[in-house]
Amino acid sequence: MRSIPLLAVDATVVFDEIAAAKHQPRRGRMQAARADVLTAYQSYEDAVPEVGELDEAPLTDAQQEAMRHAFNVETAPMTALRGDLLKRISVARCPFCGISESSTLDHYLPKEQYPEFSVFPKNLVPSCAVCNTRKRDRILDEGTNVRMFLHPCYDVIPDIAFLRVRARMEGDALVLSYRLVRPAGMALQTFQHLRNHFDELDLADRYRRMGLEHLGGQYPALRRAYGPGEDSGRVAEKLVEGAEDFEEVQGPNYWLAKLYRALAGNDDFCDGGFEAVRPELQPH
C-alpha cells in the first residue's frame, strides 16, 4: 500500500488523440461524447479521493461502447499512454500491494460502470495482475459505504503504524501472521478504508507467503551474521538495519520492514531459528 505520483499529461489532449485514431463510427461517437466526458473528468478531479459516488455520465450505449473500445484496442495513442503509465520506475512495483510487478492498468472506477473514464489517465492505476483481478469492479463497501480500495494517486497513506506482523517458531517452522490494528487517533473511516483494502486484496496471506519466500533469499546473510560464534545479537542487528532501510524508503507500514522488526525481536529466530527459512527446507 503506497502512494504514487500522477502522470504529467493533459487528459483532454489524450482523449482527443485517442478519438482521432479511431475508425468511424467510433470516432464520431467519441467526439459526440466529448463534452460529457470532459465534464466527467472535472467532476472526478473535484471529488478526489472520494470518487466512489460520482454520477455516471449521460452517454448513449453506442458512446459507452466506443469509450471502452478506446481502451481495449491498441491504437498508437493508447499504446503510448499505456507505456507512459507503466514504464515509470516509481510504479514498477504494484502500489496496491507493494509485492509484484505493475504489469496491467487498473480502472479505479471500473470502465463497465464508468466508461467515460476508460482512457482518463488519473483513473488508470498501474497494478499487478493479482490486484487487478481481485479488485474487479467493486467501489464501495455496502455495509459502511466506505471505498473498498485505496486510490494510489490520491489517498495519503497514514504515517503512523497500523500494520503488524507476528512471527513465532513452531518446532522447526517459522509462522508469520499479518494484521491491521487501529492506532490511537486514527479516524474509524480511515481504518475501515485501510482494512477493506487489506482484506479484499488478501494481503495478510500474500505478505505471509512472499515474506517466507523473501527470507529464503536472505538466509546466507543471516547465516554469516550468526557466524561460528552463534551471535544471535548480530543477527538481530542486521534485521534492524534492514528494517530501518526499508522504513526510510517505503515508510513505517512497509510489509518487509514490519517483518524484519518482528524477526529482530524474536530470540528463537535470531538464535539459529532462521535455519527454518533455508531454501531447501521450504515446502514446494
C-alpha atoms as a PDB file:
ATOM      1  CA  MET A   1       0.000   0.000   0.000  1.00  0.00           C
ATOM      2  CA  ARG A   2       1.637   3.202  -1.113  1.00  0.00           C
ATOM      3  CA  SER A   3       1.047   6.464  -2.920  1.00  0.00           C
ATOM      4  CA  ILE A   4       2.352   7.102  -6.441  1.00  0.00           C
ATOM      5  CA  PRO A   5       2.822  10.280  -8.490  1.00  0.00           C
ATOM      6  CA  LEU A   6       0.332  11.276 -11.164  1.00  0.00           C
ATOM      7  CA  LEU A   7       1.468  11.095 -14.761  1.00  0.00           C
ATOM      8  CA  ALA A   8       2.105  14.627 -16.051  1.00  0.00           C
ATOM      9  CA  VAL A   9      -0.183  14.584 -19.079  1.00  0.00           C
ATOM     10  CA  ASP A  10      -3.127  16.623 -20.351  1.00  0.00           C
ATOM     11  CA  ALA A  11      -6.184  14.362 -20.199  1.00  0.00           C
ATOM     12  CA  THR A  12      -8.030  16.396 -22.840  1.00  0.00           C
ATOM     13  CA  VAL A  13      -5.172  16.002 -25.296  1.00  0.00           C
ATOM     14  CA  VAL A  14      -5.055  12.272 -24.571  1.00  0.00           C
ATOM     15  CA  PHE A  15      -8.791  11.941 -25.247  1.00  0.00           C
ATOM     16  CA  ASP A  16      -8.590  13.895 -28.497  1.00  0.00           C
ATOM     17  CA  GLU A  17      -5.602  11.910 -29.758  1.00  0.00           C
ATOM     18  CA  ILE A  18      -7.222   8.562 -28.999  1.00  0.00           C
ATOM     19  CA  ALA A  19     -10.554   9.622 -30.510  1.00  0.00           C
ATOM     20  CA  ALA A  20      -8.804  10.836 -33.689  1.00  0.00           C
ATOM     21  CA  ALA A  21      -7.084   7.456 -34.041  1.00  0.00           C
ATOM     22  CA  LYS A  22     -10.357   5.526 -34.073  1.00  0.00           C
ATOM     23  CA  HIS A  23     -12.170   4.493 -37.226  1.00  0.00           C
ATOM     24  CA  GLN A  24     -15.715   5.562 -37.947  1.00  0.00           C
ATOM     25  CA  PRO A  25     -18.282   5.197 -36.479  1.00  0.00           C
ATOM     26  CA  ARG A  26     -16.477   5.003 -33.098  1.00  0.00           C
ATOM     27  CA  ARG A  27     -14.518   8.172 -33.828  1.00  0.00           C
ATOM     28  CA  GLY A  28     -17.740  10.080 -34.323  1.00  0.00           C
ATOM     29  CA  ARG A  29     -19.298   8.591 -31.217  1.00  0.00           C
ATOM     30  CA  MET A  30     -16.338   9.576 -29.055  1.00  0.00           C
ATOM     31  CA  GLN A  31     -16.289  13.067 -30.483  1.00  0.00           C
ATOM     32  CA  ALA A  32     -20.035  13.398 -29.865  1.00  0.00           C
ATOM     33  CA  ALA A  33     -19.471  12.351 -26.231  1.00  0.00           C
ATOM     34  CA  ARG A  34     -16.506  14.713 -25.760  1.00  0.00           C
ATOM     35  CA  ALA A  35     -18.296  17.438 -23.788  1.00  0.00           C
ATOM     36  CA  ASP A  36     -19.885  14.961 -21.365  1.00  0.00           C
ATOM     37  CA  VAL A  37     -16.611  13.082 -20.930  1.00  0.00           C
ATOM     38  CA  LEU A  38     -14.604  16.224 -20.184  1.00  0.00           C
ATOM     39  CA  THR A  39     -17.279  17.377 -17.717  1.00  0.00           C
ATOM     40  CA  ALA A  40     -16.937  13.972 -16.007  1.00  0.00           C
ATOM     41  CA  TYR A  41     -13.158  14.443 -15.875  1.00  0.00           C
ATOM     42  CA  GLN A  42     -13.643  17.707 -14.000  1.00  0.00           C
ATOM     43  CA  SER A  43     -16.107  16.099 -11.583  1.00  0.00           C
ATOM     44  CA  TYR A  44     -13.576  13.361 -10.872  1.00  0.00           C
ATOM     45  CA  GLU A  45     -10.825  15.875 -10.114  1.00  0.00           C
ATOM     46  CA  ASP A  46     -13.170  17.915  -7.913  1.00  0.00           C
ATOM     47  CA  ALA A  47     -14.152  14.837  -5.873  1.00  0.00           C
ATOM     48  CA  VAL A  48     -10.814  13.062  -5.347  1.00  0.00           C
ATOM     49  CA  PRO A  49     -10.123  10.978  -3.445  1.00  0.00           C
ATOM     50  CA  GLU A  50     -13.816  10.337  -2.699  1.00  0.00           C
ATOM     51  CA  VAL A  51     -14.831   9.403  -6.234  1.00  0.00           C
ATOM     52  CA  GLY A  52     -16.918   6.403  -5.226  1.00  0.00           C
ATOM     53  CA  GLU A  53     -20.294   8.079  -5.609  1.00  0.00           C
ATOM     54  CA  LEU A  54     -19.846  10.063  -8.807  1.00  0.00           C
ATOM     55  CA  ASP A  55     -22.833  10.213 -11.128  1.00  0.00           C
ATOM     56  CA  GLU A  56     -22.394   8.325 -14.370  1.00  0.00           C
ATOM     57  CA  ALA A  57     -22.052  10.479 -17.491  1.00  0.00           C
ATOM     58  CA  PRO A  58     -25.148  10.568 -19.756  1.00  0.00           C
ATOM     59  CA  LEU A  59     -23.618   8.638 -22.643  1.00  0.00           C
ATOM     60  CA  THR A  60     -25.599   6.576 -25.130  1.00  0.00           C
ATOM     61  CA  ASP A  61     -24.985   2.837 -25.302  1.00  0.00           C
ATOM     62  CA  ALA A  62     -23.038   3.342 -28.534  1.00  0.00           C
ATOM     63  CA  GLN A  63     -20.877   6.041 -26.945  1.00  0.00           C
ATOM     64  CA  GLN A  64     -20.188   3.841 -23.922  1.00  0.00           C
ATOM     65  CA  GLU A  65     -19.097   1.020 -26.213  1.00  0.00           C
ATOM     66  CA  ALA A  66     -16.820   3.374 -28.130  1.00  0.00           C
ATOM     67  CA  MET A  67     -15.185   4.582 -24.913  1.00  0.00           C
ATOM     68  CA  ARG A  68     -14.494   1.042 -23.687  1.00  0.00           C
ATOM     69  CA  HIS A  69     -13.215   0.083 -27.123  1.00  0.00           C
ATOM     70  CA  ALA A  70     -10.805   3.030 -26.989  1.00  0.00           C
ATOM     71  CA  PHE A  71      -9.024   1.397 -24.046  1.00  0.00           C
ATOM     72  CA  ASN A  72      -9.227  -2.209 -25.205  1.00  0.00           C
ATOM     73  CA  VAL A  73      -7.893  -1.702 -28.732  1.00  0.00           C
ATOM     74  CA  GLU A  74      -4.266  -0.644 -29.016  1.00  0.00           C
ATOM     75  CA  THR A  75      -4.240   2.459 -31.177  1.00  0.00           C
ATOM     76  CA  ALA A  76      -0.892   4.249 -31.257  1.00  0.00           C
ATOM     77  CA  PRO A  77      -2.000   6.940 -28.737  1.00  0.00           C
ATOM     78  CA  MET A  78      -3.421   4.328 -26.349  1.00  0.00           C
ATOM     79  CA  THR A  79      -0.255   2.250 -26.585  1.00  0.00           C
ATOM     80  CA  ALA A  80       1.803   5.347 -25.836  1.00  0.00           C
ATOM     81  CA  LEU A  81      -0.355   6.217 -22.825  1.00  0.00           C
ATOM     82  CA  ARG A  82      -0.115   2.672 -21.503  1.00  0.00           C
ATOM     83  CA  GLY A  83       3.651   2.755 -21.824  1.00  0.00           C
ATOM     84  CA  ASP A  84       3.939   6.171 -20.184  1.00  0.00           C
ATOM     85  CA  LEU A  85       1.881   4.973 -17.216  1.00  0.00           C
ATOM     86  CA  LEU A  86       3.589   1.615 -16.727  1.00  0.00           C
ATOM     87  CA  LYS A  87       7.231   2.243 -17.573  1.00  0.00           C
ATOM     88  CA  ARG A  88       7.981   4.755 -14.801  1.00  0.00           C
ATOM     89  CA  ILE A  89      10.413   3.430 -12.202  1.00  0.00           C
ATOM     90  CA  SER A  90       8.216   4.896  -9.469  1.00  0.00           C
ATOM     91  CA  VAL A  91       5.408   2.457 -10.335  1.00  0.00           C
ATOM     92  CA  ALA A  92       7.476  -0.608 -11.222  1.00  0.00           C
ATOM     93  CA  ARG A  93       6.067  -2.338  -8.139  1.00  0.00           C
ATOM     94  CA  CYS A  94       2.290  -2.550  -7.728  1.00  0.00           C
ATOM     95  CA  PRO A  95       1.094   0.276  -5.443  1.00  0.00           C
ATOM     96  CA  PHE A  96      -1.952  -1.683  -4.310  1.00  0.00           C
ATOM     97  CA  CYS A  97       0.073  -4.486  -2.692  1.00  0.00           C
ATOM     98  CA  GLY A  98       3.736  -3.476  -2.812  1.00  0.00           C
ATOM     99  CA  ILE A  99       4.656  -7.025  -3.790  1.00  0.00           C
ATOM    100  CA  SER A 100       4.511  -7.705  -7.519  1.00  0.00           C
ATOM    101  CA  GLU A 101       5.418  -6.006 -10.770  1.00  0.00           C
ATOM    102  CA  SER A 102       2.962  -3.480 -12.198  1.00  0.00           C
ATOM    103  CA  SER A 103       2.057  -5.196 -15.450  1.00  0.00           C
ATOM    104  CA  THR A 104      -1.523  -4.008 -16.047  1.00  0.00           C
ATOM    105  CA  LEU A 105      -3.635  -0.869 -15.762  1.00  0.00           C
ATOM    106  CA  ASP A 106      -6.495  -0.975 -13.306  1.00  0.00           C
ATOM    107  CA  HIS A 107      -9.502   1.295 -13.785  1.00  0.00           C
ATOM    108  CA  TYR A 108     -10.007   2.663 -10.284  1.00  0.00           C
ATOM    109  CA  LEU A 109     -13.603   3.414 -11.258  1.00  0.00           C
ATOM    110  CA  PRO A 110     -14.455   0.402 -13.432  1.00  0.00           C
ATOM    111  CA  LYS A 111     -14.936   1.086 -17.113  1.00  0.00           C
ATOM    112  CA  GLU A 112     -18.041  -1.120 -17.244  1.00  0.00           C
ATOM    113  CA  GLN A 113     -19.893   1.256 -14.940  1.00  0.00           C
ATOM    114  CA  TYR A 114     -17.970   4.424 -15.822  1.00  0.00           C
ATOM    115  CA  PRO A 115     -16.905   4.108 -19.475  1.00  0.00           C
ATOM    116  CA  GLU A 116     -16.307   7.875 -19.563  1.00  0.00           C
ATOM    117  CA  PHE A 117     -13.123   7.229 -17.550  1.00  0.00           C
ATOM    118  CA  SER A 118     -11.836   4.408 -19.777  1.00  0.00           C
ATOM    119  CA  VAL A 119      -8.885   6.457 -21.055  1.00  0.00           C
ATOM    120  CA  PHE A 120      -8.715   9.054 -18.276  1.00  0.00           C
ATOM    121  CA  PRO A 121      -5.068   8.918 -17.090  1.00  0.00           C
ATOM    122  CA  LYS A 122      -5.964   9.775 -13.490  1.00  0.00           C
ATOM    123  CA  ASN A 123      -8.299   6.764 -13.324  1.00  0.00           C
ATOM    124  CA  LEU A 124      -5.717   4.354 -14.722  1.00  0.00           C
ATOM    125  CA  VAL A 125      -3.579   2.902 -11.944  1.00  0.00           C
ATOM    126  CA  PRO A 126      -0.563   0.651 -12.604  1.00  0.00           C
ATOM    127  CA  SER A 127      -1.150  -2.641 -10.820  1.00  0.00           C
ATOM    128  CA  CYS A 128      -0.148  -6.261 -10.760  1.00  0.00           C
ATOM    129  CA  ALA A 129      -2.423  -8.851 -12.341  1.00  0.00           C
ATOM    130  CA  VAL A 130      -3.389 -10.290  -8.939  1.00  0.00           C
ATOM    131  CA  CYS A 131      -4.612  -6.970  -7.527  1.00  0.00           C
ATOM    132  CA  ASN A 132      -6.370  -6.053 -10.762  1.00  0.00           C
ATOM    133  CA  THR A 133      -8.223  -9.363 -10.755  1.00  0.00           C
ATOM    134  CA  ARG A 134      -9.173  -9.239  -7.080  1.00  0.00           C
ATOM    135  CA  LYS A 135     -10.303  -5.619  -7.248  1.00  0.00           C
ATOM    136  CA  ARG A 136     -12.656  -6.259 -10.176  1.00  0.00           C
ATOM    137  CA  ASP A 137     -15.496  -3.713 -10.393  1.00  0.00           C
ATOM    138  CA  ARG A 138     -16.062  -3.048  -6.694  1.00  0.00           C
ATOM    139  CA  ILE A 139     -16.089   0.521  -5.393  1.00  0.00           C
ATOM    140  CA  LEU A 140     -17.950   0.955  -2.083  1.00  0.00           C
ATOM    141  CA  ASP A 141     -18.458  -1.388   0.847  1.00  0.00           C
ATOM    142  CA  GLU A 142     -22.214  -1.904   1.117  1.00  0.00           C
ATOM    143  CA  GLY A 143     -22.213  -2.059   4.894  1.00  0.00           C
ATOM    144  CA  THR A 144     -20.207   1.097   5.620  1.00  0.00           C
ATOM    145  CA  ASN A 145     -20.311   2.993   2.294  1.00  0.00           C
ATOM    146  CA  VAL A 146     -16.533   3.335   2.615  1.00  0.00           C
ATOM    147  CA  ARG A 147     -14.439   2.812  -0.512  1.00  0.00           C
ATOM    148  CA  MET A 148     -13.103  -0.703  -0.877  1.00  0.00           C
ATOM    149  CA  PHE A 149      -9.646   0.256  -2.104  1.00  0.00           C
ATOM    150  CA  LEU A 150      -7.077   2.997  -1.729  1.00  0.00           C
ATOM    151  CA  HIS A 151      -6.553   5.247  -4.741  1.00  0.00           C
ATOM    152  CA  PRO A 152      -2.756   5.231  -5.017  1.00  0.00           C
ATOM    153  CA  CYS A 153      -2.724   8.561  -6.879  1.00  0.00           C
ATOM    154  CA  TYR A 154      -4.781  10.456  -4.316  1.00  0.00           C
ATOM    155  CA  ASP A 155      -5.137   8.695  -0.962  1.00  0.00           C
ATOM    156  CA  VAL A 156      -2.447   9.581   1.550  1.00  0.00           C
ATOM    157  CA  ILE A 157      -1.195   6.547   3.474  1.00  0.00           C
ATOM    158  CA  PRO A 158      -1.125   7.445   7.202  1.00  0.00           C
ATOM    159  CA  ASP A 159       2.414   7.844   8.521  1.00  0.00           C
ATOM    160  CA  ILE A 160       1.626   6.041  11.769  1.00  0.00           C
ATOM    161  CA  ALA A 161       1.979   2.331  12.387  1.00  0.00           C
ATOM    162  CA  PHE A 162      -1.136   0.315  11.571  1.00  0.00           C
ATOM    163  CA  LEU A 163       0.350  -2.878  10.084  1.00  0.00           C
ATOM    164  CA  ARG A 164       1.607  -5.576  12.435  1.00  0.00           C
ATOM    165  CA  VAL A 165       3.174  -8.968  11.949  1.00  0.00           C
ATOM    166  CA  ARG A 166       3.570 -11.728  14.493  1.00  0.00           C
ATOM    167  CA  ALA A 167       6.490 -14.083  13.992  1.00  0.00           C
ATOM    168  CA  ARG A 168       6.791 -17.267  16.045  1.00  0.00           C
ATOM    169  CA  MET A 169       8.663 -20.535  15.865  1.00  0.00           C
ATOM    170  CA  GLU A 170       6.594 -23.720  15.958  1.00  0.00           C
ATOM    171  CA  GLY A 171       9.057 -26.579  16.129  1.00  0.00           C
ATOM    172  CA  ASP A 172      11.359 -26.123  13.179  1.00  0.00           C
ATOM    173  CA  ALA A 173       8.921 -23.883  11.276  1.00  0.00           C
ATOM    174  CA  LEU A 174       8.573 -20.105  11.147  1.00  0.00           C
ATOM    175  CA  VAL A 175       4.952 -18.958  11.289  1.00  0.00           C
ATOM    176  CA  LEU A 176       4.019 -15.427  10.192  1.00  0.00           C
ATOM    177  CA  SER A 177       0.707 -13.626  10.556  1.00  0.00           C
ATOM    178  CA  TYR A 178      -0.070 -10.100   9.345  1.00  0.00           C
ATOM    179  CA  ARG A 179      -2.957  -7.938  10.534  1.00  0.00           C
ATOM    180  CA  LEU A 180      -4.093  -4.336  10.809  1.00  0.00           C
ATOM    181  CA  VAL A 181      -4.506  -2.579  14.164  1.00  0.00           C
ATOM    182  CA  ARG A 182      -6.213   0.792  14.510  1.00  0.00           C
ATOM    183  CA  PRO A 183      -3.793   3.183  16.206  1.00  0.00           C
ATOM    184  CA  ALA A 184      -4.925   5.783  18.713  1.00  0.00           C
ATOM    185  CA  GLY A 185      -6.127   8.900  16.968  1.00  0.00           C
ATOM    186  CA  MET A 186      -6.909   7.285  13.615  1.00  0.00           C
ATOM    187  CA  ALA A 187     -10.434   8.045  12.379  1.00  0.00           C
ATOM    188  CA  LEU A 188     -12.674   4.995  12.147  1.00  0.00           C
ATOM    189  CA  GLN A 189     -13.452   5.629   8.474  1.00  0.00           C
ATOM    190  CA  THR A 190      -9.747   5.821   7.649  1.00  0.00           C
ATOM    191  CA  PHE A 191      -9.151   2.499   9.371  1.00  0.00           C
ATOM    192  CA  GLN A 192     -12.158   0.897   7.657  1.00  0.00           C
ATOM    193  CA  HIS A 193     -10.783   2.038   4.328  1.00  0.00           C
ATOM    194  CA  LEU A 194      -7.356   0.555   5.058  1.00  0.00           C
ATOM    195  CA  ARG A 195      -8.917  -2.671   6.330  1.00  0.00           C
ATOM    196  CA  ASN A 196     -11.148  -3.021   3.257  1.00  0.00           C
ATOM    197  CA  HIS A 197      -8.108  -2.686   1.012  1.00  0.00           C
ATOM    198  CA  PHE A 198      -6.051  -5.098   3.135  1.00  0.00           C
ATOM    199  CA  ASP A 199      -8.776  -7.750   3.348  1.00  0.00           C
ATOM    200  CA  GLU A 200     -10.107  -7.612  -0.201  1.00  0.00           C
ATOM    201  CA  LEU A 201      -6.647  -7.905  -1.745  1.00  0.00           C
ATOM    202  CA  ASP A 202      -5.834 -10.799   0.648  1.00  0.00           C
ATOM    203  CA  LEU A 203      -2.682  -9.007   1.748  1.00  0.00           C
ATOM    204  CA  ALA A 204      -2.321 -10.917   5.011  1.00  0.00           C
ATOM    205  CA  ASP A 205      -1.754 -14.218   3.217  1.00  0.00           C
ATOM    206  CA  ARG A 206       0.165 -12.680   0.320  1.00  0.00           C
ATOM    207  CA  TYR A 207       2.557 -10.896   2.691  1.00  0.00           C
ATOM    208  CA  ARG A 208       2.966 -14.131   4.660  1.00  0.00           C
ATOM    209  CA  ARG A 209       3.842 -16.209   1.610  1.00  0.00           C
ATOM    210  CA  MET A 210       6.078 -13.625  -0.007  1.00  0.00           C
ATOM    211  CA  GLY A 211       7.750 -12.917   3.340  1.00  0.00           C
ATOM    212  CA  LEU A 212       8.801 -16.548   3.693  1.00  0.00           C
ATOM    213  CA  GLU A 213       9.984 -16.591   0.090  1.00  0.00           C
ATOM    214  CA  HIS A 214      11.971 -13.389   0.642  1.00  0.00           C
ATOM    215  CA  LEU A 215      13.639 -14.752   3.762  1.00  0.00           C
ATOM    216  CA  GLY A 216      14.862 -17.740   1.797  1.00  0.00           C
ATOM    217  CA  GLY A 217      16.944 -15.316  -0.244  1.00  0.00           C
ATOM    218  CA  GLN A 218      18.265 -13.710   2.946  1.00  0.00           C
ATOM    219  CA  TYR A 219      19.337 -17.000   4.523  1.00  0.00           C
ATOM    220  CA  PRO A 220      23.039 -16.781   3.521  1.00  0.00           C
ATOM    221  CA  ALA A 221      23.346 -13.280   5.017  1.00  0.00           C
ATOM    222  CA  LEU A 222      21.628 -14.374   8.231  1.00  0.00           C
ATOM    223  CA  ARG A 223      23.915 -17.383   8.455  1.00  0.00           C
ATOM    224  CA  ARG A 224      27.023 -15.195   8.012  1.00  0.00           C
ATOM    225  CA  ALA A 225      25.824 -12.766  10.672  1.00  0.00           C
ATOM    226  CA  TYR A 226      25.294 -15.659  13.095  1.00  0.00           C
ATOM    227  CA  GLY A 227      28.760 -16.970  12.315  1.00  0.00           C
ATOM    228  CA  PRO A 228      30.700 -19.713  14.039  1.00  0.00           C
ATOM    229  CA  GLY A 229      30.298 -17.860  17.320  1.00  0.00           C
ATOM    230  CA  GLU A 230      26.494 -18.186  17.068  1.00  0.00           C
ATOM    231  CA  ASP A 231      25.988 -14.468  17.650  1.00  0.00           C
ATOM    232  CA  SER A 232      22.210 -14.003  17.828  1.00  0.00           C
ATOM    233  CA  GLY A 233      22.700 -10.333  18.674  1.00  0.00           C
ATOM    234  CA  ARG A 234      24.424  -9.723  15.337  1.00  0.00           C
ATOM    235  CA  VAL A 235      21.510 -11.368  13.525  1.00  0.00           C
ATOM    236  CA  ALA A 236      19.078  -9.081  15.320  1.00  0.00           C
ATOM    237  CA  GLU A 237      21.220  -6.047  14.474  1.00  0.00           C
ATOM    238  CA  LYS A 238      21.262  -6.978  10.795  1.00  0.00           C
ATOM    239  CA  LEU A 239      17.486  -7.330  10.773  1.00  0.00           C
ATOM    240  CA  VAL A 240      17.014  -3.962  12.483  1.00  0.00           C
ATOM    241  CA  GLU A 241      19.329  -2.336   9.945  1.00  0.00           C
ATOM    242  CA  GLY A 242      17.268  -3.850   7.140  1.00  0.00           C
ATOM    243  CA  ALA A 243      14.033  -2.638   8.731  1.00  0.00           C
ATOM    244  CA  GLU A 244      15.416   0.880   9.052  1.00  0.00           C
ATOM    245  CA  ASP A 245      16.463   0.906   5.402  1.00  0.00           C
ATOM    246  CA  PHE A 246      13.004  -0.226   4.267  1.00  0.00           C
ATOM    247  CA  GLU A 247      11.303   2.318   6.538  1.00  0.00           C
ATOM    248  CA  GLU A 248      13.415   5.177   5.241  1.00  0.00           C
ATOM    249  CA  VAL A 249      12.379   4.477   1.660  1.00  0.00           C
ATOM    250  CA  GLN A 250       8.921   2.894   1.985  1.00  0.00           C
ATOM    251  CA  GLY A 251       7.552   4.222   5.272  1.00  0.00           C
ATOM    252  CA  PRO A 252       6.646   2.639   8.621  1.00  0.00           C
ATOM    253  CA  ASN A 253       3.994   0.240   7.283  1.00  0.00           C
ATOM    254  CA  TYR A 254       6.006  -1.438   4.545  1.00  0.00           C
ATOM    255  CA  TRP A 255       5.388  -5.158   4.858  1.00  0.00           C
ATOM    256  CA  LEU A 256       9.056  -6.166   4.752  1.00  0.00           C
ATOM    257  CA  ALA A 257      10.061  -3.528   7.290  1.00  0.00           C
ATOM    258  CA  LYS A 258       7.442  -4.937   9.653  1.00  0.00           C
ATOM    259  CA  LEU A 259       8.707  -8.458   9.035  1.00  0.00           C
ATOM    260  CA  TYR A 260      12.307  -7.544   9.801  1.00  0.00           C
ATOM    261  CA  ARG A 261      11.284  -5.742  13.004  1.00  0.00           C
ATOM    262  CA  ALA A 262       9.277  -8.727  14.183  1.00  0.00           C
ATOM    263  CA  LEU A 263      12.095 -11.175  13.479  1.00  0.00           C
ATOM    264  CA  ALA A 264      14.676  -8.957  15.176  1.00  0.00           C
ATOM    265  CA  GLY A 265      12.612  -9.194  18.333  1.00  0.00           C
ATOM    266  CA  ASN A 266      12.247 -12.962  18.144  1.00  0.00           C
ATOM    267  CA  ASP A 267      15.064 -14.521  20.159  1.00  0.00           C
ATOM    268  CA  ASP A 268      14.395 -18.030  18.866  1.00  0.00           C
ATOM    269  CA  PHE A 269      14.624 -16.944  15.236  1.00  0.00           C
ATOM    270  CA  CYS A 270      17.815 -14.957  15.769  1.00  0.00           C
ATOM    271  CA  ASP A 271      19.459 -17.754  17.771  1.00  0.00           C
ATOM    272  CA  GLY A 272      19.555 -20.254  14.901  1.00  0.00           C
ATOM    273  CA  GLY A 273      15.834 -20.444  14.192  1.00  0.00           C
ATOM    274  CA  PHE A 274      16.484 -18.761  10.858  1.00  0.00           C
ATOM    275  CA  GLU A 275      17.535 -22.217   9.648  1.00  0.00           C
ATOM    276  CA  ALA A 276      13.799 -22.697   9.066  1.00  0.00           C
ATOM    277  CA  VAL A 277      13.962 -20.357   6.049  1.00  0.00           C
ATOM    278  CA  ARG A 278      16.798 -22.186   4.342  1.00  0.00           C
ATOM    279  CA  PRO A 279      15.528 -22.564   0.765  1.00  0.00           C
ATOM    280  CA  GLU A 280      15.863 -26.327   0.588  1.00  0.00           C
ATOM    281  CA  LEU A 281      13.679 -26.637   3.688  1.00  0.00           C
ATOM    282  CA  GLN A 282      10.824 -24.562   2.247  1.00  0.00           C
ATOM    283  CA  PRO A 283       7.749 -26.513   1.055  1.00  0.00           C
ATOM    284  CA  HIS A 284       7.378 -26.615  -2.726  1.00  0.00           C
END
